Amino acid sequence: MVGRERKHLSADARYSMVHTSFAKIPDHRIGRPAISLADALMSAFAVFSLKCPSLLQFDEQQLSINGS
């Protein structure tokens, strides 16, 4: 029973809430961008939450940790 009560606290549920909030922001870009504003903002959020200044640095860090 505890698992069902706390399901809204899972990382997936939180990321979904963030994406839903980002989707409510009006996109004033001209034309039809290939990447939605919500997805672009999620990418920025990922970099922020990963504590790395770039996704490249995150990938390099993961490679050094995993030894690949």
N, C-alpha and C. Protein backbone atom coordinates (compact mmCIF):
# COMPACT_ATOMS: atom_id res chain seq x y z
N MET A 1 0.82 -1.20 0.00
CA MET A 1 0.00 0.00 0.00
C MET A 1 0.87 1.26 0.00
N VAL A 2 1.99 1.22 0.68
CA VAL A 2 2.85 2.40 0.77
C VAL A 2 3.35 2.80 -0.61
N GLY A 3 3.71 1.82 -1.47
CA GLY A 3 4.21 2.10 -2.81
C GLY A 3 3.22 2.89 -3.65
N ARG A 4 1.96 2.54 -3.57
CA ARG A 4 0.94 3.24 -4.34
C ARG A 4 0.73 4.66 -3.84
N GLU A 5 0.85 4.85 -2.55
CA GLU A 5 0.65 6.18 -1.98
C GLU A 5 1.78 7.12 -2.35
N ARG A 6 2.97 6.61 -2.58
CA ARG A 6 4.14 7.43 -2.85
C ARG A 6 4.53 7.43 -4.33
N LYS A 7 3.72 6.86 -5.18
CA LYS A 7 4.05 6.78 -6.60
C LYS A 7 4.25 8.16 -7.20
N HIS A 8 3.52 9.14 -6.73
CA HIS A 8 3.65 10.51 -7.24
C HIS A 8 4.97 11.15 -6.85
N LEU A 9 5.72 10.51 -5.95
CA LEU A 9 7.00 11.04 -5.51
C LEU A 9 8.17 10.44 -6.31
N SER A 10 7.89 9.53 -7.21
CA SER A 10 8.96 8.89 -7.98
C SER A 10 9.60 9.89 -8.94
N ALA A 11 10.81 9.58 -9.37
CA ALA A 11 11.51 10.46 -10.30
C ALA A 11 10.72 10.60 -11.60
N ASP A 12 10.18 9.49 -12.11
CA ASP A 12 9.40 9.55 -13.36
C ASP A 12 8.20 10.48 -13.21
N ALA A 13 7.52 10.40 -12.08
CA ALA A 13 6.36 11.26 -11.86
C ALA A 13 6.77 12.72 -11.77
N ARG A 14 7.88 12.99 -11.11
CA ARG A 14 8.37 14.37 -10.98
C ARG A 14 8.79 14.93 -12.34
N TYR A 15 9.51 14.13 -13.13
CA TYR A 15 9.92 14.59 -14.46
C TYR A 15 8.72 14.84 -15.35
N SER A 16 7.70 14.00 -15.21
CA SER A 16 6.48 14.21 -15.97
C SER A 16 5.80 15.52 -15.57
N MET A 17 5.81 15.83 -14.28
CA MET A 17 5.24 17.10 -13.82
C MET A 17 6.01 18.29 -14.38
N VAL A 18 7.34 18.18 -14.40
CA VAL A 18 8.16 19.26 -14.93
C VAL A 18 7.86 19.45 -16.41
N HIS A 19 7.79 18.34 -17.16
CA HIS A 19 7.51 18.42 -18.60
C HIS A 19 6.13 19.03 -18.84
N THR A 20 5.16 18.64 -18.07
CA THR A 20 3.81 19.20 -18.21
C THR A 20 3.82 20.70 -17.95
N SER A 21 4.58 21.13 -16.96
CA SER A 21 4.68 22.57 -16.67
C SER A 21 5.38 23.30 -17.81
N PHE A 22 6.46 22.71 -18.34
CA PHE A 22 7.16 23.34 -19.47
C PHE A 22 6.25 23.42 -20.70
N ALA A 23 5.40 22.43 -20.90
CA ALA A 23 4.51 22.41 -22.07
C ALA A 23 3.48 23.55 -22.02
N LYS A 24 3.25 24.11 -20.86
CA LYS A 24 2.29 25.21 -20.72
C LYS A 24 2.88 26.56 -21.10
N ILE A 25 4.21 26.63 -21.27
CA ILE A 25 4.88 27.89 -21.62
C ILE A 25 4.68 28.15 -23.10
N PRO A 26 4.17 29.33 -23.46
CA PRO A 26 3.95 29.63 -24.88
C PRO A 26 5.27 29.67 -25.65
N ASP A 27 5.26 29.09 -26.84
CA ASP A 27 6.44 29.07 -27.70
C ASP A 27 6.27 30.17 -28.75
N HIS A 28 7.09 31.21 -28.66
CA HIS A 28 6.98 32.34 -29.57
C HIS A 28 7.98 32.30 -30.70
N ARG A 29 8.64 31.14 -30.89
CA ARG A 29 9.61 31.02 -31.97
C ARG A 29 8.89 31.03 -33.32
N ILE A 30 9.57 31.58 -34.30
CA ILE A 30 9.00 31.70 -35.65
C ILE A 30 9.18 30.38 -36.39
N GLY A 31 8.19 30.01 -37.17
CA GLY A 31 8.27 28.79 -37.96
C GLY A 31 7.88 27.58 -37.15
N ARG A 32 8.32 26.43 -37.64
CA ARG A 32 8.01 25.17 -36.96
C ARG A 32 9.32 24.54 -36.51
N PRO A 33 9.76 24.84 -35.31
CA PRO A 33 11.03 24.28 -34.81
C PRO A 33 10.97 22.75 -34.76
N ALA A 34 12.11 22.12 -35.02
CA ALA A 34 12.18 20.66 -35.00
C ALA A 34 12.03 20.11 -33.58
N ILE A 35 12.43 20.89 -32.59
CA ILE A 35 12.36 20.45 -31.20
C ILE A 35 11.36 21.33 -30.46
N SER A 36 10.44 20.70 -29.77
CA SER A 36 9.44 21.48 -29.03
C SER A 36 10.12 22.26 -27.91
N LEU A 37 9.50 23.36 -27.52
CA LEU A 37 10.05 24.17 -26.44
C LEU A 37 10.13 23.35 -25.15
N ALA A 38 9.12 22.55 -24.88
CA ALA A 38 9.12 21.72 -23.67
C ALA A 38 10.31 20.76 -23.67
N ASP A 39 10.61 20.16 -24.82
CA ASP A 39 11.74 19.23 -24.90
C ASP A 39 13.07 19.97 -24.75
N ALA A 40 13.18 21.15 -25.34
CA ALA A 40 14.40 21.94 -25.19
C ALA A 40 14.61 22.33 -23.72
N LEU A 41 13.53 22.71 -23.06
CA LEU A 41 13.63 23.06 -21.64
C LEU A 41 13.96 21.84 -20.78
N MET A 42 13.45 20.67 -21.16
CA MET A 42 13.79 19.45 -20.43
C MET A 42 15.28 19.14 -20.57
N SER A 43 15.85 19.42 -21.75
CA SER A 43 17.29 19.21 -21.94
C SER A 43 18.09 20.13 -21.01
N ALA A 44 17.66 21.38 -20.93
CA ALA A 44 18.33 22.32 -20.03
C ALA A 44 18.17 21.88 -18.58
N PHE A 45 17.01 21.41 -18.24
CA PHE A 45 16.75 20.91 -16.89
C PHE A 45 17.64 19.71 -16.57
N ALA A 46 17.83 18.83 -17.56
CA ALA A 46 18.68 17.65 -17.35
C ALA A 46 20.10 18.07 -17.04
N VAL A 47 20.63 19.02 -17.79
CA VAL A 47 21.99 19.49 -17.55
C VAL A 47 22.09 20.08 -16.15
N PHE A 48 21.10 20.86 -15.77
CA PHE A 48 21.09 21.46 -14.44
C PHE A 48 21.03 20.39 -13.35
N SER A 49 20.16 19.42 -13.54
CA SER A 49 19.97 18.41 -12.50
C SER A 49 21.10 17.40 -12.45
N LEU A 50 21.86 17.27 -13.54
CA LEU A 50 22.99 16.35 -13.56
C LEU A 50 24.23 16.97 -12.93
N LYS A 51 24.19 18.24 -12.64
CA LYS A 51 25.30 18.96 -12.03
C LYS A 51 26.54 18.99 -12.91
N CYS A 52 26.35 18.90 -14.21
CA CYS A 52 27.44 19.00 -15.17
C CYS A 52 27.15 20.20 -16.08
N PRO A 53 28.20 20.91 -16.48
CA PRO A 53 27.97 22.08 -17.32
C PRO A 53 27.53 21.73 -18.74
N SER A 54 27.69 20.47 -19.16
CA SER A 54 27.25 20.08 -20.50
C SER A 54 26.97 18.58 -20.52
N LEU A 55 26.20 18.16 -21.51
CA LEU A 55 25.94 16.74 -21.66
C LEU A 55 27.20 15.99 -22.08
N LEU A 56 28.09 16.67 -22.83
CA LEU A 56 29.36 16.06 -23.21
C LEU A 56 30.17 15.71 -21.97
N GLN A 57 30.26 16.65 -21.02
CA GLN A 57 31.01 16.37 -19.80
C GLN A 57 30.36 15.23 -19.01
N PHE A 58 29.05 15.19 -19.01
CA PHE A 58 28.35 14.09 -18.33
C PHE A 58 28.70 12.76 -18.98
N ASP A 59 28.68 12.70 -20.31
CA ASP A 59 29.04 11.48 -21.02
C ASP A 59 30.47 11.06 -20.71
N GLU A 60 31.39 12.02 -20.72
CA GLU A 60 32.78 11.71 -20.41
C GLU A 60 32.93 11.21 -18.99
N GLN A 61 32.18 11.80 -18.07
CA GLN A 61 32.21 11.36 -16.67
C GLN A 61 31.70 9.94 -16.55
N GLN A 62 30.63 9.62 -17.26
CA GLN A 62 30.06 8.29 -17.21
C GLN A 62 31.03 7.27 -17.79
N LEU A 63 31.73 7.64 -18.86
CA LEU A 63 32.71 6.74 -19.46
C LEU A 63 33.84 6.43 -18.48
N SER A 64 34.30 7.47 -17.77
CA SER A 64 35.38 7.25 -16.81
C SER A 64 34.92 6.41 -15.62
N ILE A 65 33.67 6.55 -15.23
CA ILE A 65 33.14 5.77 -14.11
C ILE A 65 32.94 4.31 -14.52
N ASN A 66 32.40 4.12 -15.72
CA ASN A 66 32.09 2.77 -16.19
C ASN A 66 33.28 2.07 -16.81
N GLY A 67 34.35 2.81 -17.07
CA GLY A 67 35.56 2.21 -17.63
C GLY A 67 35.46 1.85 -19.10
N SER A 68 34.53 2.47 -19.81
CA SER A 68 34.37 2.16 -21.24
C SER A 68 35.13 3.12 -22.10
